[in-house]
């Protein structure tokens, strides 16, 4: 076995490939491109100007007008797509999330606006979940005992899928973590002539503390927790099992969420499934870096790039991140 040295001098010197910015750029094993980034956007229907989010500096709830400018910029920067979340007024929420299947509800209306604006330049994506639309804040319909009724929820998801497809969504993000949701939605789409609409399964979505700021972003009214349907953070093999099941049910893309605390899952899934694997850099990940940078504790720009690069390095083909526009600007400027 060679030691890689001659006498007291090393022969193998990995530092040769780190000596200059040009050399480091040339031999980089993981690269970022704007097309690998997806921008989550929140659209609210009872505001007249964008509303900043206190827990997510730089992120806003958009109006129907302001979201046009946001998606136009995203298209000009070459982002891969935008993921739309609807934020209805509290008065529009009920136990069944009726507003989610209202053709004129906030998410479906916003989807039509965005699809008309940039549908040829970006992949217009929509969150398919009931939590923003229910008064109890859960991702499904509740049974009499207060638990989430899996199969009754699947019927609501089927109806939501059809309305979102009719509104112009090209990729439905199934984030509710109900058993059988991919098969149910795929069947509904195909039977109604939407066989060209793709399905993104949030397959390994964990019951995470890192979703906290997102609750503000969507005006969540959650009572209790989601531990009976989202994954236990302690479980690794279960996340891979969910991804494999979703692919078998017809998912076109699978997701791991959150990203940074679950890079082992990203790697596991990427090594196993034949479809693209995405990861969601969630609100808490964003807020932690922004807060630490605001205190001067870390280099903000380096931390942002390092975090997204690590997600790509683990195997994610694309990353949902609230920094998508900022990072794309930097990449365009560096090109």
Protein backbone atom coordinates (compact mmCIF):
# COMPACT_ATOMS: atom_id res chain seq x y z
CA UNK A 1 0.00 0.00 0.00
CA UNK A 2 1.48 3.31 -1.08
CA UNK A 3 1.58 6.23 1.29
CA UNK A 4 1.59 8.76 -1.52
CA UNK A 5 4.90 10.23 -0.40
CA UNK A 6 8.60 10.11 -1.35
CA UNK A 7 10.85 10.37 1.62
CA UNK A 8 9.56 13.25 3.69
CA UNK A 9 7.84 14.97 0.75
CA UNK A 10 4.25 14.23 -0.36
CA UNK A 11 3.88 13.19 -3.99
CA UNK A 12 0.11 13.34 -3.99
CA UNK A 13 -0.89 16.93 -3.32
CA UNK A 14 -4.67 17.47 -3.56
CA UNK A 15 -4.09 21.15 -2.80
CA UNK A 16 -2.88 21.62 -6.39
CA UNK A 17 -6.54 21.64 -7.44
CA UNK A 18 -7.50 24.29 -4.87
CA UNK A 19 -4.89 26.90 -5.53
CA UNK A 20 -6.82 29.50 -7.53
CA UNK A 21 -10.46 30.48 -8.03
CA UNK A 22 -10.19 29.42 -11.68
CA UNK A 23 -8.86 25.97 -10.76
CA UNK A 24 -11.50 25.47 -8.06
CA UNK A 25 -14.20 26.44 -10.53
CA UNK A 26 -12.83 24.08 -13.17
CA UNK A 27 -12.76 20.99 -10.92
CA UNK A 28 -15.97 21.66 -8.95
CA UNK A 29 -17.92 18.42 -8.67
CA UNK A 30 -21.30 20.00 -7.92
CA UNK A 31 -22.65 22.99 -9.80
CA UNK A 32 -25.66 25.25 -9.41
CA UNK A 33 -27.76 26.51 -12.27
CA UNK A 34 -30.88 28.71 -12.10
CA UNK A 35 -32.84 25.97 -13.88
CA UNK A 36 -32.31 23.74 -10.82
CA UNK A 37 -34.08 26.21 -8.52
CA UNK A 38 -37.79 26.51 -7.83
CA UNK A 39 -39.21 29.60 -6.11
CA UNK A 40 -42.09 29.14 -3.61
CA UNK A 41 -44.56 32.04 -3.73
CA UNK A 42 -47.46 32.95 -1.46
CA UNK A 43 -50.52 34.69 -2.90
CA UNK A 44 -53.13 36.17 -0.57
CA UNK A 45 -56.56 37.32 -1.71
CA UNK A 46 -57.49 39.97 0.89
CA UNK A 47 -54.58 42.40 0.61
CA UNK A 48 -53.91 45.36 -1.68
CA UNK A 49 -50.11 45.40 -1.41
CA UNK A 50 -47.47 42.76 -0.64
CA UNK A 51 -47.23 41.89 3.03
CA UNK A 52 -43.72 41.22 4.43
CA UNK A 53 -43.33 38.17 6.66
CA UNK A 54 -41.70 38.94 9.99
CA UNK A 55 -40.22 35.48 10.43
CA UNK A 56 -38.88 35.29 6.85
CA UNK A 57 -37.11 38.57 6.01
CA UNK A 58 -37.31 39.32 2.31
CA UNK A 59 -40.32 37.06 1.69
CA UNK A 60 -43.83 38.45 1.20
CA UNK A 61 -47.41 37.42 0.69
CA UNK A 62 -48.16 38.61 -2.82
CA UNK A 63 -51.19 40.24 -4.35
CA UNK A 64 -52.43 39.07 -7.74
CA UNK A 65 -50.64 42.04 -9.28
CA UNK A 66 -47.34 41.75 -7.46
CA UNK A 67 -47.04 38.03 -8.20
CA UNK A 68 -46.96 38.86 -11.92
CA UNK A 69 -43.77 40.86 -11.46
CA UNK A 70 -42.27 38.14 -9.29
CA UNK A 71 -42.84 35.36 -11.80
CA UNK A 72 -41.71 37.52 -14.70
CA UNK A 73 -38.39 38.11 -12.95
CA UNK A 74 -38.13 34.39 -12.19
CA UNK A 75 -38.61 33.60 -15.87
CA UNK A 76 -36.07 36.20 -16.98
CA UNK A 77 -33.49 34.70 -14.60
CA UNK A 78 -34.06 31.22 -15.99
CA UNK A 79 -35.47 29.58 -12.85
CA UNK A 80 -36.87 26.11 -13.26
CA UNK A 81 -40.30 26.99 -11.92
CA UNK A 82 -42.46 28.53 -9.23
CA UNK A 83 -44.51 26.73 -6.58
CA UNK A 84 -47.70 28.59 -5.70
CA UNK A 85 -49.38 28.57 -2.29
CA UNK A 86 -52.78 30.19 -1.78
CA UNK A 87 -53.58 32.13 1.39
CA UNK A 88 -57.34 32.57 1.76
CA UNK A 89 -59.01 34.92 4.19
CA UNK A 90 -59.95 33.26 7.49
CA UNK A 91 -63.61 33.75 6.61
CA UNK A 92 -63.13 31.46 3.58
CA UNK A 93 -61.90 28.51 5.66
CA UNK A 94 -64.07 25.63 6.78
CA UNK A 95 -63.72 22.03 7.90
CA UNK A 96 -63.55 20.65 4.35
CA UNK A 97 -61.31 23.29 2.78
CA UNK A 98 -64.05 24.23 0.34
CA UNK A 99 -62.09 27.18 -1.03
CA UNK A 100 -59.45 24.77 -2.34
CA UNK A 101 -61.85 23.51 -4.99
CA UNK A 102 -63.52 26.83 -5.75
CA UNK A 103 -62.49 27.73 -9.33
CA UNK A 104 -62.31 31.36 -8.16
CA UNK A 105 -60.53 30.54 -4.90
CA UNK A 106 -57.21 32.25 -4.26
CA UNK A 107 -54.91 29.44 -5.40
CA UNK A 108 -56.80 28.56 -8.56
CA UNK A 109 -57.23 32.22 -9.48
CA UNK A 110 -53.53 32.90 -8.85
CA UNK A 111 -52.60 29.89 -10.97
CA UNK A 112 -54.55 31.27 -13.93
CA UNK A 113 -52.79 34.63 -13.52
CA UNK A 114 -49.33 33.06 -13.35
CA UNK A 115 -49.93 30.55 -16.15
CA UNK A 116 -51.07 33.37 -18.43
CA UNK A 117 -48.03 35.45 -17.51
CA UNK A 118 -45.18 32.89 -17.70
CA UNK A 119 -46.69 29.50 -18.51
CA UNK A 120 -44.49 29.12 -21.58
CA UNK A 121 -41.29 30.10 -19.76
CA UNK A 122 -41.58 28.43 -16.34
CA UNK A 123 -43.05 25.24 -14.93
CA UNK A 124 -46.08 26.54 -13.04
CA UNK A 125 -46.53 24.38 -9.95
CA UNK A 126 -49.21 24.34 -7.27
CA UNK A 127 -49.35 23.06 -3.73
CA UNK A 128 -52.05 20.40 -3.46
CA UNK A 129 -52.95 20.24 0.21
CA UNK A 130 -55.87 21.32 2.35
CA UNK A 131 -54.05 22.84 5.32
CA UNK A 132 -54.22 26.45 4.08
CA UNK A 133 -57.95 26.11 3.46
CA UNK A 134 -59.22 24.32 6.57
CA UNK A 135 -60.26 26.08 9.76
CA UNK A 136 -58.56 23.35 11.82
CA UNK A 137 -55.32 23.67 9.84
CA UNK A 138 -54.87 19.98 9.07
CA UNK A 139 -53.98 18.60 5.65
CA UNK A 140 -57.17 16.60 5.36
CA UNK A 141 -60.78 16.10 6.35
CA UNK A 142 -61.38 15.24 10.00
CA UNK A 143 -63.29 12.18 11.17
CA UNK A 144 -65.78 12.32 14.03
CA UNK A 145 -63.06 11.50 16.56
CA UNK A 146 -60.88 14.38 15.37
CA UNK A 147 -58.37 12.25 13.47
CA UNK A 148 -57.55 12.92 9.82
CA UNK A 149 -59.67 10.68 7.59
CA UNK A 150 -57.24 9.42 4.96
CA UNK A 151 -59.71 8.15 2.36
CA UNK A 152 -62.17 11.02 2.66
CA UNK A 153 -59.22 13.35 2.16
CA UNK A 154 -58.23 11.53 -1.03
CA UNK A 155 -61.59 12.48 -2.55
CA UNK A 156 -60.90 16.13 -1.78
CA UNK A 157 -57.43 15.82 -3.32
CA UNK A 158 -58.89 14.39 -6.51
CA UNK A 159 -61.21 17.38 -6.82
CA UNK A 160 -58.39 19.79 -6.04
CA UNK A 161 -56.19 18.20 -8.69
CA UNK A 162 -58.79 18.72 -11.38
CA UNK A 163 -59.37 22.37 -10.45
CA UNK A 164 -55.65 23.11 -10.36
CA UNK A 165 -55.12 21.42 -13.71
CA UNK A 166 -57.99 23.39 -15.22
CA UNK A 167 -56.42 26.58 -13.87
CA UNK A 168 -53.18 25.84 -15.71
CA UNK A 169 -50.93 24.09 -13.22
CA UNK A 170 -48.35 21.96 -14.99
CA UNK A 171 -47.08 20.14 -11.89
CA UNK A 172 -49.15 19.30 -8.83
CA UNK A 173 -47.24 19.21 -5.54
CA UNK A 174 -48.91 16.59 -3.36
CA UNK A 175 -47.76 17.60 0.11
CA UNK A 176 -50.49 16.18 2.36
CA UNK A 177 -48.83 12.81 3.15
CA UNK A 178 -52.01 10.77 2.81
CA UNK A 179 -51.61 7.09 1.93
CA UNK A 180 -52.47 6.50 -1.73
CA UNK A 181 -52.59 10.19 -2.67
CA UNK A 182 -50.45 9.79 -5.80
CA UNK A 183 -52.55 6.95 -7.20
CA UNK A 184 -55.79 8.79 -6.43
CA UNK A 185 -54.70 12.05 -8.07
CA UNK A 186 -53.11 10.33 -11.07
CA UNK A 187 -56.32 8.41 -11.73
CA UNK A 188 -58.42 11.57 -11.46
CA UNK A 189 -56.19 13.50 -13.85
CA UNK A 190 -56.04 10.72 -16.42
CA UNK A 191 -59.77 10.08 -16.37
CA UNK A 192 -60.47 13.76 -17.03
CA UNK A 193 -58.03 14.18 -19.89
CA UNK A 194 -55.16 15.73 -17.94
CA UNK A 195 -52.69 12.94 -18.58
CA UNK A 196 -50.01 15.54 -19.46
CA UNK A 197 -50.12 17.17 -15.99
CA UNK A 198 -47.23 15.90 -13.88
CA UNK A 199 -47.28 14.85 -10.22
CA UNK A 200 -44.65 15.84 -7.67
CA UNK A 201 -44.98 13.67 -4.57
CA UNK A 202 -43.77 15.08 -1.27
CA UNK A 203 -42.77 11.53 -0.41
CA UNK A 204 -40.44 11.87 2.56
CA UNK A 205 -42.06 14.80 4.36
CA UNK A 206 -41.18 14.86 8.03
CA UNK A 207 -43.04 16.25 11.05
CA UNK A 208 -40.43 18.94 11.48
CA UNK A 209 -39.90 21.90 13.78
CA UNK A 210 -38.36 23.71 10.81
CA UNK A 211 -41.77 24.53 9.30
CA UNK A 212 -42.46 27.18 11.94
CA UNK A 213 -42.17 30.37 9.83
CA UNK A 214 -44.23 28.78 7.06
CA UNK A 215 -47.21 28.85 9.42
CA UNK A 216 -47.09 32.64 9.34
CA UNK A 217 -46.70 32.66 5.57
CA UNK A 218 -49.92 30.71 4.96
CA UNK A 219 -51.88 32.03 7.94
CA UNK A 220 -52.08 28.56 9.48
CA UNK A 221 -54.82 27.81 11.99
CA UNK A 222 -53.40 24.41 12.94
CA UNK A 223 -54.70 22.81 16.10
CA UNK A 224 -52.55 19.98 17.40
CA UNK A 225 -49.82 18.48 15.23
CA UNK A 226 -49.36 16.37 12.09
CA UNK A 227 -47.43 13.48 13.57
CA UNK A 228 -50.04 10.89 12.54
CA UNK A 229 -49.40 11.50 8.84
CA UNK A 230 -46.03 13.22 8.46
CA UNK A 231 -42.93 11.09 9.07
CA UNK A 232 -41.11 10.69 12.37
CA UNK A 233 -37.71 12.47 12.13
CA UNK A 234 -36.11 9.35 13.65
CA UNK A 235 -37.02 7.15 10.68
CA UNK A 236 -34.74 6.83 7.66
CA UNK A 237 -35.90 3.63 5.93
CA UNK A 238 -39.52 4.74 6.17
CA UNK A 239 -38.75 7.81 4.09
CA UNK A 240 -37.23 5.69 1.35
CA UNK A 241 -40.20 3.32 1.49
CA UNK A 242 -42.60 6.23 0.96
CA UNK A 243 -40.63 7.43 -2.07
CA UNK A 244 -40.62 3.97 -3.65
CA UNK A 245 -44.36 3.61 -3.08
CA UNK A 246 -45.04 6.99 -4.70
CA UNK A 247 -43.03 6.05 -7.77
CA UNK A 248 -45.00 2.80 -8.02
CA UNK A 249 -48.22 4.84 -7.86
CA UNK A 250 -47.14 7.05 -10.74
CA UNK A 251 -45.23 9.99 -9.28
CA UNK A 252 -43.16 11.81 -11.89
CA UNK A 253 -40.91 13.48 -9.30
CA UNK A 254 -40.41 12.78 -5.58
CA UNK A 255 -39.53 15.21 -2.82
CA UNK A 256 -37.65 15.15 0.48
CA UNK A 257 -38.71 17.85 2.96
CA UNK A 258 -37.02 19.47 4.86
CA UNK A 259 -33.67 19.37 3.12
CA UNK A 260 -30.64 20.12 5.33
CA UNK A 261 -31.56 17.87 8.25
CA UNK A 262 -32.44 15.05 5.86
CA UNK A 263 -29.55 14.93 3.40
CA UNK A 264 -29.17 11.22 4.15
CA UNK A 265 -32.72 10.75 2.81
CA UNK A 266 -31.94 12.81 -0.27
CA UNK A 267 -28.97 10.55 -0.97
CA UNK A 268 -30.93 7.36 -0.25
CA UNK A 269 -33.81 8.31 -2.51
CA UNK A 270 -31.57 9.58 -5.31
CA UNK A 271 -29.67 6.28 -5.30
CA UNK A 272 -32.86 4.22 -5.46
CA UNK A 273 -35.62 5.73 -7.60
CA UNK A 274 -35.55 6.26 -11.39
CA UNK A 275 -37.36 9.63 -11.33
CA UNK A 276 -36.04 13.11 -10.49
CA UNK A 277 -35.51 13.82 -6.78
CA UNK A 278 -36.12 17.27 -5.37
CA UNK A 279 -35.65 18.76 -1.91
CA UNK A 280 -37.35 21.68 -0.19
CA UNK A 281 -35.16 24.12 1.74
CA UNK A 282 -37.92 25.05 4.15
CA UNK A 283 -38.83 28.23 5.98
CA UNK A 284 -36.95 27.40 9.17
CA UNK A 285 -33.74 26.73 7.25
CA UNK A 286 -34.15 30.10 5.55
CA UNK A 287 -34.97 31.92 8.79
CA UNK A 288 -32.01 30.47 10.70
CA UNK A 289 -29.46 31.67 8.16
CA UNK A 290 -31.12 35.08 7.83
CA UNK A 291 -31.26 35.52 11.62
CA UNK A 292 -27.66 34.43 12.19
CA UNK A 293 -26.47 36.68 9.37
CA UNK A 294 -28.44 39.64 10.75
CA UNK A 295 -26.48 39.25 14.00
CA UNK A 296 -23.20 39.13 12.12
CA UNK A 297 -22.53 35.55 13.20
CA UNK A 298 -22.11 34.06 9.72
CA UNK A 299 -21.35 35.19 6.19
CA UNK A 300 -24.85 35.29 4.70
CA UNK A 301 -24.01 34.86 1.00
CA UNK A 302 -21.56 32.03 1.60
CA UNK A 303 -23.98 30.24 3.92
CA UNK A 304 -26.78 30.44 1.36
CA UNK A 305 -24.65 29.01 -1.44
CA UNK A 306 -23.11 26.37 0.80
CA UNK A 307 -26.49 25.18 2.02
CA UNK A 308 -27.98 24.86 -1.47
CA UNK A 309 -24.84 23.27 -2.87
CA UNK A 310 -24.93 20.66 -0.10
CA UNK A 311 -28.49 19.74 -1.04
CA UNK A 312 -27.48 19.33 -4.68
CA UNK A 313 -24.36 17.40 -3.65
CA UNK A 314 -26.49 14.94 -1.69
CA UNK A 315 -28.37 14.10 -4.88
CA UNK A 316 -31.22 16.56 -5.33
CA UNK A 317 -31.85 17.36 -8.99
CA UNK A 318 -33.66 20.57 -8.04
CA UNK A 319 -34.14 22.61 -4.88
CA UNK A 320 -37.15 24.62 -3.73
CA UNK A 321 -35.68 27.64 -1.98
CA UNK A 322 -36.83 31.11 -1.02
CA UNK A 323 -33.43 32.37 -2.17
CA UNK A 324 -33.97 31.17 -5.74
CA UNK A 325 -34.10 34.65 -7.28
CA UNK A 326 -31.14 35.98 -5.32
CA UNK A 327 -29.00 32.96 -6.11
CA UNK A 328 -29.97 33.04 -9.78
CA UNK A 329 -28.99 36.70 -9.98
CA UNK A 330 -25.61 35.85 -8.52
CA UNK A 331 -25.10 32.95 -10.88
CA UNK A 332 -26.04 35.09 -13.88
CA UNK A 333 -23.64 37.79 -12.74
CA UNK A 334 -20.82 35.29 -12.30
CA UNK A 335 -21.35 33.69 -15.72
